[in-house]
Protein backbone atom coordinates (compact mmCIF):
# COMPACT_ATOMS: atom_id res chain seq x y z
CA MET A 1 -39.05 -70.63 -11.76
CA GLU A 2 -39.00 -67.73 -14.17
CA CYS A 3 -40.97 -65.01 -13.14
CA SER A 4 -41.15 -61.40 -13.88
CA ARG A 5 -42.92 -57.63 -12.67
CA THR A 6 -45.24 -58.05 -14.78
CA ASN A 7 -46.50 -61.22 -14.81
CA VAL A 8 -45.98 -61.87 -10.79
CA GLY A 9 -49.47 -61.21 -10.13
CA GLN A 10 -50.48 -64.44 -12.58
CA LEU A 11 -48.82 -66.85 -10.33
CA PRO A 12 -51.06 -69.10 -8.13
CA LEU A 13 -51.17 -68.43 -4.59
CA ASP A 14 -49.88 -71.70 -3.42
CA GLN A 15 -47.01 -70.95 -5.77
CA PHE A 16 -45.90 -67.94 -3.95
CA VAL A 17 -45.98 -70.20 -0.92
CA ARG A 18 -43.93 -72.81 -2.60
CA VAL A 19 -41.38 -70.03 -3.64
CA VAL A 20 -40.61 -70.17 0.16
CA SER A 21 -39.50 -73.57 0.55
CA THR A 22 -37.15 -72.85 -3.20
CA ILE A 23 -35.43 -69.88 -1.35
CA TYR A 24 -35.50 -70.57 2.80
CA ASN A 25 -35.99 -74.09 2.93
CA GLY A 26 -32.02 -74.28 4.23
CA HIS A 27 -32.68 -72.37 7.21
CA ASP A 28 -36.76 -73.46 7.60
CA GLN A 29 -35.82 -76.70 7.69
CA TYR A 30 -34.49 -76.11 11.65
CA ARG A 31 -36.68 -73.79 12.70
CA SER A 32 -39.98 -74.77 14.51
CA ILE A 33 -43.41 -73.86 14.21
CA TRP A 34 -43.23 -71.55 17.57
CA ASP A 35 -40.33 -69.85 15.64
CA VAL A 36 -41.43 -68.89 11.91
CA TRP A 37 -44.75 -68.19 14.15
CA CYS A 38 -42.95 -66.04 16.00
CA HIS A 39 -41.51 -63.76 13.10
CA THR A 40 -45.12 -63.97 11.55
CA MET A 41 -46.50 -62.15 14.55
CA HIS A 42 -42.91 -59.81 14.40
CA HIS A 43 -43.73 -58.71 10.81
CA ALA A 44 -47.63 -58.06 11.55
CA ALA A 45 -46.09 -55.61 14.53
CA GLY A 46 -43.79 -53.90 12.44
CA ILE A 47 -47.21 -53.29 9.81
CA ALA A 48 -48.93 -51.71 12.30
CA GLU A 49 -46.24 -49.73 14.03
CA GLN A 50 -45.63 -48.42 10.27
CA ILE A 51 -48.99 -47.13 9.73
CA ARG A 52 -48.90 -45.76 13.38
CA LYS A 53 -45.66 -43.61 12.56
CA GLY A 54 -46.67 -42.90 9.41
CA GLU A 55 -43.50 -42.18 8.12
CA SER A 56 -42.50 -44.80 5.00
CA GLU A 57 -44.20 -45.75 2.29
CA GLU A 58 -41.28 -47.78 1.67
CA ASP A 59 -40.39 -49.45 5.09
CA LEU A 60 -44.36 -49.93 4.98
CA TYR A 61 -44.40 -52.51 2.09
CA ARG A 62 -41.20 -53.92 2.82
CA GLU A 63 -43.29 -55.08 6.55
CA ILE A 64 -46.03 -56.26 4.25
CA ALA A 65 -44.13 -58.29 2.08
CA ASP A 66 -41.70 -59.87 4.81
CA PHE A 67 -45.11 -60.91 7.17
CA SER A 68 -46.60 -62.26 3.74
CA LEU A 69 -43.37 -64.90 3.35
CA TRP A 70 -43.14 -65.63 6.68
CA LEU A 71 -46.95 -66.08 6.39
CA PHE A 72 -46.76 -68.81 3.66
CA THR A 73 -44.09 -70.08 5.59
CA MET A 74 -46.23 -71.05 8.66
CA VAL A 75 -48.41 -72.58 5.89
CA LEU A 76 -45.34 -74.96 4.33
CA LYS A 77 -45.05 -75.69 8.09
CA LEU A 78 -48.22 -76.70 9.42
CA SER A 79 -48.78 -78.71 5.79
CA GLY A 80 -49.05 -82.43 6.28
CA GLU A 81 -50.63 -85.53 8.33
CA PHE A 82 -52.21 -85.15 11.21
CA GLY A 83 -50.23 -86.63 14.29
CA HIS A 84 -47.26 -87.05 11.60
CA PRO A 85 -43.83 -85.05 12.74
CA LYS A 86 -42.04 -83.70 9.77
CA GLY A 87 -38.41 -83.54 10.84
CA GLU A 88 -36.54 -83.31 14.84
CA PHE A 89 -36.69 -79.33 15.01
CA GLU A 90 -40.59 -80.31 15.95
CA GLY A 91 -41.60 -80.51 19.66
CA PRO A 92 -43.80 -83.21 20.83
CA GLN A 93 -47.19 -81.32 20.50
CA ASP A 94 -46.47 -80.04 17.15
CA ARG A 95 -47.25 -82.71 15.05
CA TYR A 96 -50.64 -82.17 16.01
CA ILE A 97 -50.90 -78.24 14.23
CA ARG A 98 -51.55 -79.58 11.26
CA ILE A 99 -53.55 -78.13 8.10
CA TRP A 100 -55.18 -80.14 5.32
CA ASN A 101 -55.75 -78.01 2.66
CA SER A 102 -54.44 -76.04 0.31
CA CYS A 103 -53.50 -72.14 0.48
CA SER A 104 -56.07 -71.26 -1.83
CA ASP A 105 -58.59 -74.38 -0.51
CA ILE A 106 -58.08 -72.57 2.63
CA VAL A 107 -59.13 -69.05 1.40
CA TRP A 108 -61.56 -70.24 -1.08
CA HIS A 109 -63.38 -72.58 1.41
CA LYS A 110 -63.88 -69.46 3.72
CA TYR A 111 -64.63 -66.75 1.17
CA PRO A 112 -65.59 -68.70 -1.96
CA LYS A 113 -66.40 -64.33 -3.73
CA LEU A 114 -68.89 -63.96 -0.54
CA CYS A 115 -68.52 -62.68 2.79
CA PRO A 116 -69.28 -65.46 5.12
CA LEU A 117 -71.14 -63.62 7.96
CA CYS A 118 -73.61 -62.07 6.02
CA HIS A 119 -74.60 -64.65 2.58
CA ASP A 120 -74.86 -67.45 4.64
CA LYS A 121 -78.43 -68.09 5.26
CA ARG A 122 -78.96 -67.23 1.65
CA ILE A 123 -76.76 -70.20 0.36
CA ALA A 124 -77.82 -72.82 2.92
CA ARG A 125 -81.25 -72.72 1.68
CA ALA A 126 -82.08 -76.00 -0.39
CA ASN A 127 -82.98 -73.75 -3.09
CA VAL A 128 -80.06 -71.78 -3.69
CA ALA A 129 -81.71 -70.25 -7.01
CA GLU A 130 -81.32 -66.22 -4.96
CA VAL A 131 -77.73 -66.75 -5.28
CA LYS A 132 -76.45 -66.87 -8.92
CA LEU A 133 -73.63 -69.41 -8.69
CA GLY A 134 -70.49 -67.60 -9.20
CA ASP A 135 -70.63 -63.83 -8.87
CA ILE A 136 -69.55 -61.88 -6.81
CA GLN A 137 -71.90 -61.19 -3.60
CA PRO A 138 -70.66 -58.15 -1.81
CA CYS A 139 -70.97 -57.64 2.37
CA CYS A 140 -73.41 -56.38 4.05
CA CYS A 141 -72.60 -56.49 7.31
CA PRO A 142 -73.73 -53.69 9.35
CA PRO A 143 -70.31 -51.54 10.59
CA ASN A 144 -70.43 -53.15 13.50
CA PRO A 145 -71.77 -57.21 14.40
CA GLY A 146 -74.26 -58.54 17.26
CA THR A 147 -73.39 -60.76 19.89
CA GLN A 148 -70.29 -63.41 19.36
CA GLU A 149 -72.19 -66.44 18.09
CA SER A 150 -72.11 -70.05 19.54
CA ASP A 151 -69.34 -72.99 18.34
CA ASP A 152 -72.07 -74.98 17.33
CA ALA A 153 -73.80 -72.04 14.92
CA TRP A 154 -70.20 -70.81 13.42
CA ARG A 155 -69.39 -74.70 12.71
CA ARG A 156 -72.99 -74.89 10.56
CA ARG A 157 -72.54 -71.20 8.96
CA ILE A 158 -68.99 -72.73 7.48
CA ALA A 159 -70.16 -75.88 6.56
CA ALA A 160 -72.97 -74.22 4.20
CA VAL A 161 -70.30 -71.66 3.04
CA ARG A 162 -67.62 -74.38 2.74
CA GLU A 163 -70.67 -76.61 0.67
CA TYR A 164 -71.62 -73.69 -1.71
CA SER A 165 -67.07 -72.74 -1.99
CA GLY A 166 -67.25 -76.36 -3.82
CA GLN A 167 -70.56 -75.83 -5.92
CA ILE A 168 -68.68 -73.16 -7.61
CA TYR A 169 -65.11 -74.55 -7.05
CA ALA A 170 -64.56 -73.56 -10.84
CA GLU A 171 -64.75 -70.04 -9.80
CA LYS A 172 -61.62 -70.55 -8.04
CA PRO A 173 -59.00 -67.03 -8.15
CA LYS A 174 -56.41 -68.89 -10.15
CA GLY A 175 -53.75 -65.39 -9.89
CA ILE A 176 -52.47 -64.23 -6.80
CA ASP A 177 -54.14 -60.40 -8.05
CA GLU A 178 -57.56 -62.08 -8.96
CA TRP A 179 -57.57 -62.73 -4.78
CA GLN A 180 -57.02 -59.39 -4.41
CA GLY A 181 -59.25 -58.30 -6.95
CA MET A 182 -62.07 -60.77 -4.98
CA PHE A 183 -61.63 -59.65 -1.68
CA GLY A 184 -61.88 -55.87 -3.02
CA ALA A 185 -64.87 -56.51 -4.67
CA VAL A 186 -66.29 -58.54 -2.27
CA PHE A 187 -65.25 -56.42 0.69
CA GLY A 188 -64.52 -52.66 -1.11
CA ASP A 189 -67.76 -50.85 -0.07
CA LYS A 190 -66.67 -51.61 3.34
CA LEU A 191 -63.10 -50.49 3.17
CA SER A 192 -64.15 -46.55 3.17
CA LEU A 193 -65.77 -47.48 6.72
CA PHE A 194 -62.44 -48.40 8.00
CA SER A 195 -58.92 -46.85 8.25
CA LEU A 196 -55.22 -48.25 7.94
CA SER A 197 -54.96 -48.43 11.92
CA ASP A 198 -58.63 -50.11 11.83
CA ILE A 199 -57.29 -52.75 9.10
CA SER A 200 -54.42 -53.30 11.06
CA LEU A 201 -56.21 -54.05 14.44
CA HIS A 202 -58.18 -56.26 12.86
CA LEU A 203 -55.39 -58.13 11.09
CA MET A 204 -53.71 -58.17 14.35
CA GLU A 205 -57.22 -59.67 15.82
CA GLU A 206 -57.05 -62.65 13.45
CA LEU A 207 -53.61 -63.21 14.33
CA GLY A 208 -54.14 -63.48 18.14
CA GLU A 209 -57.26 -65.76 17.39
CA THR A 210 -55.24 -67.94 14.80
CA SER A 211 -52.79 -68.81 17.92
CA ASP A 212 -55.62 -70.11 20.00
CA ALA A 213 -56.45 -71.92 17.52
CA MET A 214 -53.21 -73.66 16.97
CA ILE A 215 -52.98 -74.36 21.11
CA ARG A 216 -56.45 -76.53 20.64
CA MET A 217 -55.07 -78.82 18.64
CA TYR A 218 -53.42 -80.05 20.77
CA SER A 219 -54.89 -78.84 24.39
CA TYR A 220 -58.00 -80.20 24.93
CA SER A 221 -60.39 -80.77 28.45
CA PRO A 222 -62.43 -83.81 29.61
CA ASN A 223 -65.50 -82.97 27.98
CA THR A 224 -64.43 -82.00 24.66
CA PHE A 225 -61.46 -84.54 24.20
CA VAL A 226 -63.92 -86.77 22.37
CA ASP A 227 -63.81 -88.50 18.61
CA GLY A 228 -64.13 -86.24 15.52
CA GLU A 229 -63.12 -82.93 17.67
CA PRO A 230 -59.58 -82.85 16.10
CA ASN A 231 -61.53 -82.79 12.97
CA ARG A 232 -63.29 -79.95 13.81
CA ARG A 233 -60.61 -77.94 14.97
CA GLN A 234 -59.08 -78.13 12.31
CA VAL A 235 -61.77 -76.86 10.30
CA LYS A 236 -61.51 -73.89 12.79
CA LEU A 237 -57.75 -73.39 12.36
CA GLU A 238 -57.93 -73.30 8.23
CA ALA A 239 -60.51 -70.58 8.15
CA GLN A 240 -58.86 -68.44 10.80
CA PHE A 241 -55.83 -68.36 8.87
CA ALA A 242 -58.45 -67.66 5.90
CA ASP A 243 -59.41 -64.45 8.03
CA VAL A 244 -55.80 -63.79 7.98
CA PHE A 245 -55.48 -63.06 4.31
CA SER A 246 -58.58 -62.06 4.41
CA TRP A 247 -57.53 -58.76 6.23
CA LEU A 248 -53.84 -58.78 4.23
CA PHE A 249 -55.72 -58.14 0.95
CA ALA A 250 -58.00 -55.73 2.55
CA LEU A 251 -55.36 -53.38 3.95
CA VAL A 252 -53.17 -53.58 0.46
CA GLU A 253 -56.63 -52.76 -1.07
CA LYS A 254 -57.16 -50.14 1.48
CA LEU A 255 -53.82 -48.52 0.58
CA ASN A 256 -54.47 -48.88 -3.34
CA PHE A 257 -58.06 -47.20 -2.40
CA LEU A 258 -56.02 -44.27 -0.82
CA LYS A 259 -53.64 -43.90 -3.71
CA GLN A 260 -56.19 -43.05 -6.28
CA PRO A 261 -57.39 -39.12 -6.02
CA VAL A 262 -61.12 -37.68 -5.71
CA LEU A 263 -62.43 -36.81 -9.06
CA GLY A 264 -64.00 -33.49 -9.98
CA SER A 265 -68.09 -33.13 -9.67
CA GLY A 266 -67.69 -32.79 -14.02
CA THR A 267 -67.45 -28.87 -14.08
CA ALA A 268 -63.75 -28.60 -14.19
CA ASP A 269 -62.27 -29.35 -17.78
CA GLN A 270 -61.49 -32.58 -18.08
CA GLU A 271 -57.78 -32.21 -18.67
CA MET A 272 -57.46 -30.98 -15.26
CA ILE A 273 -59.10 -33.90 -13.48
CA PRO A 274 -56.29 -36.33 -12.07
CA GLN A 275 -56.56 -39.77 -13.27
CA PRO A 276 -56.21 -42.57 -11.14
CA THR A 277 -53.11 -43.70 -10.24
CA ARG A 278 -51.56 -47.72 -10.70
CA ALA A 279 -53.02 -50.38 -9.14
CA ILE A 280 -51.10 -51.49 -5.74
CA ARG A 281 -50.81 -54.93 -5.97
CA LEU A 282 -49.57 -57.58 -3.07
CA SER A 283 -48.15 -59.20 -5.41
CA GLU A 284 -45.54 -56.32 -6.31
CA ILE A 285 -44.65 -55.43 -2.70
CA ILE A 286 -43.38 -58.87 -2.52
CA TRP A 287 -41.29 -59.33 -6.20
CA GLN A 288 -40.02 -55.77 -5.22
CA ARG A 289 -38.52 -57.40 -1.90
CA TYR A 290 -38.02 -60.31 -2.89
CA GLY A 291 -37.58 -61.01 -7.01
CA SER A 292 -35.17 -59.81 -9.55
CA ASP A 293 -35.93 -58.19 -12.67
CA SER A 294 -32.35 -59.31 -14.36
CA ARG A 295 -32.48 -62.63 -12.99
CA GLN A 296 -36.33 -63.37 -13.55
CA LEU A 297 -36.67 -65.07 -10.34
CA PHE A 298 -37.67 -64.57 -6.85
CA CYS A 299 -34.18 -64.83 -4.29
CA CYS A 300 -33.26 -63.99 -1.07
CA TRP A 301 -33.60 -59.77 -0.30
CA LYS A 302 -30.72 -59.80 1.51
CA CYS A 303 -27.83 -62.75 -0.23
CA LYS A 304 -30.06 -62.01 -3.89
CA LEU A 305 -29.41 -65.54 -4.05
CA PRO A 306 -32.32 -67.97 -5.47
CA ASP A 307 -31.14 -70.63 -2.37
CA CYS A 308 -30.25 -67.98 0.55
CA GLY A 309 -26.37 -68.74 1.49
CA CYS A 310 -27.27 -66.24 4.37
CA LYS A 311 -24.73 -67.32 7.14
CA ILE A 312 -27.36 -67.97 10.32
CA ILE A 313 -26.89 -69.75 13.37
CA LEU A 314 -29.40 -71.97 14.43
CA VAL A 315 -28.85 -73.63 17.71
CA PRO A 316 -28.30 -76.61 17.96
CA ASN A 317 -29.27 -77.45 14.39
CA VAL A 318 -26.24 -75.46 13.19
CA ARG A 319 -24.05 -75.09 15.91
CA PRO A 320 -23.87 -77.62 19.21
CA SER A 321 -25.88 -75.86 22.28
CA ALA A 322 -22.65 -75.86 24.51
CA GLU A 323 -21.54 -72.91 22.03
CA LEU A 324 -24.29 -70.94 23.01
CA LEU A 325 -23.94 -71.70 26.80
CA GLU A 326 -20.49 -71.46 26.75
CA LYS A 327 -21.18 -67.52 25.74
CA TYR A 328 -23.53 -67.30 28.04
CA HIS A 329 -22.07 -64.95 31.38
CA HIS A 330 -24.58 -65.05 34.66
CA PRO A 331 -26.06 -62.08 35.43
CA GLU A 332 -24.09 -61.13 38.72
CA PRO A 333 -25.90 -61.23 42.26
């Protein structure tokens, strides 16, 4: 797949997910769902750490790129038919943690050019004339939303948003830069109210809720173990992944916002007014870490091969368990 710094932003979001399979499938085929998820969470924590320290922009971008690749890997891992195993590396419960839609559809069904929280009532009405189909609907949520809604209310809201997303499906962003632009247009006014630390906390919050949604795909109580409940929980899981992506794009948009200089009041000489800097894009952050300008393709950041050749020992698939056990020395009592 030929690509370059100049056109990487035009790649579809689903294409970025498939990139993972071309680079790291040799290793990822031996990783469990929870292995991949732990790596995802590790780099999310790395983002929070870099924001807290505020020392290195380069290190922050590196963590954002690594988090994105592991998040894409997770979407790839969970794609498939409910109840069908995808390899011997999976545990007996993992086959029930599945997403049905593609990555781009998962995000689109939750964020079809609007905030699903403050626009659901408008799009749920029988007469949708008040909503200009396909137009960006900026978020108008209060800074601190009210009490948490019930599960039934949440499901009605998501159903309304998903129906609307189907009505304007042709308007779904194509390139990953279009996705970032859409989130910037919907939530741009709200970004000024949040610090980078606030956004990183929101991201971690959504990751925690996604963890819970994954567990709920195989964990039930007697009164919830009923027909159709797995499907409802699958919708919940996909919606949680969409929230993670929304805060990832929000994070990069906030970085973009902070990079732009504040223009003068107009009284200064026009030549002295600072010009906006080049926009920060998630696509370029990922390319900087995993792209090769000379070869025009994605590759491993370490070995620089399009099909990662790093020597990674994953027990017991690559080396037998007995070898690892031999290397473990029991602590002294």
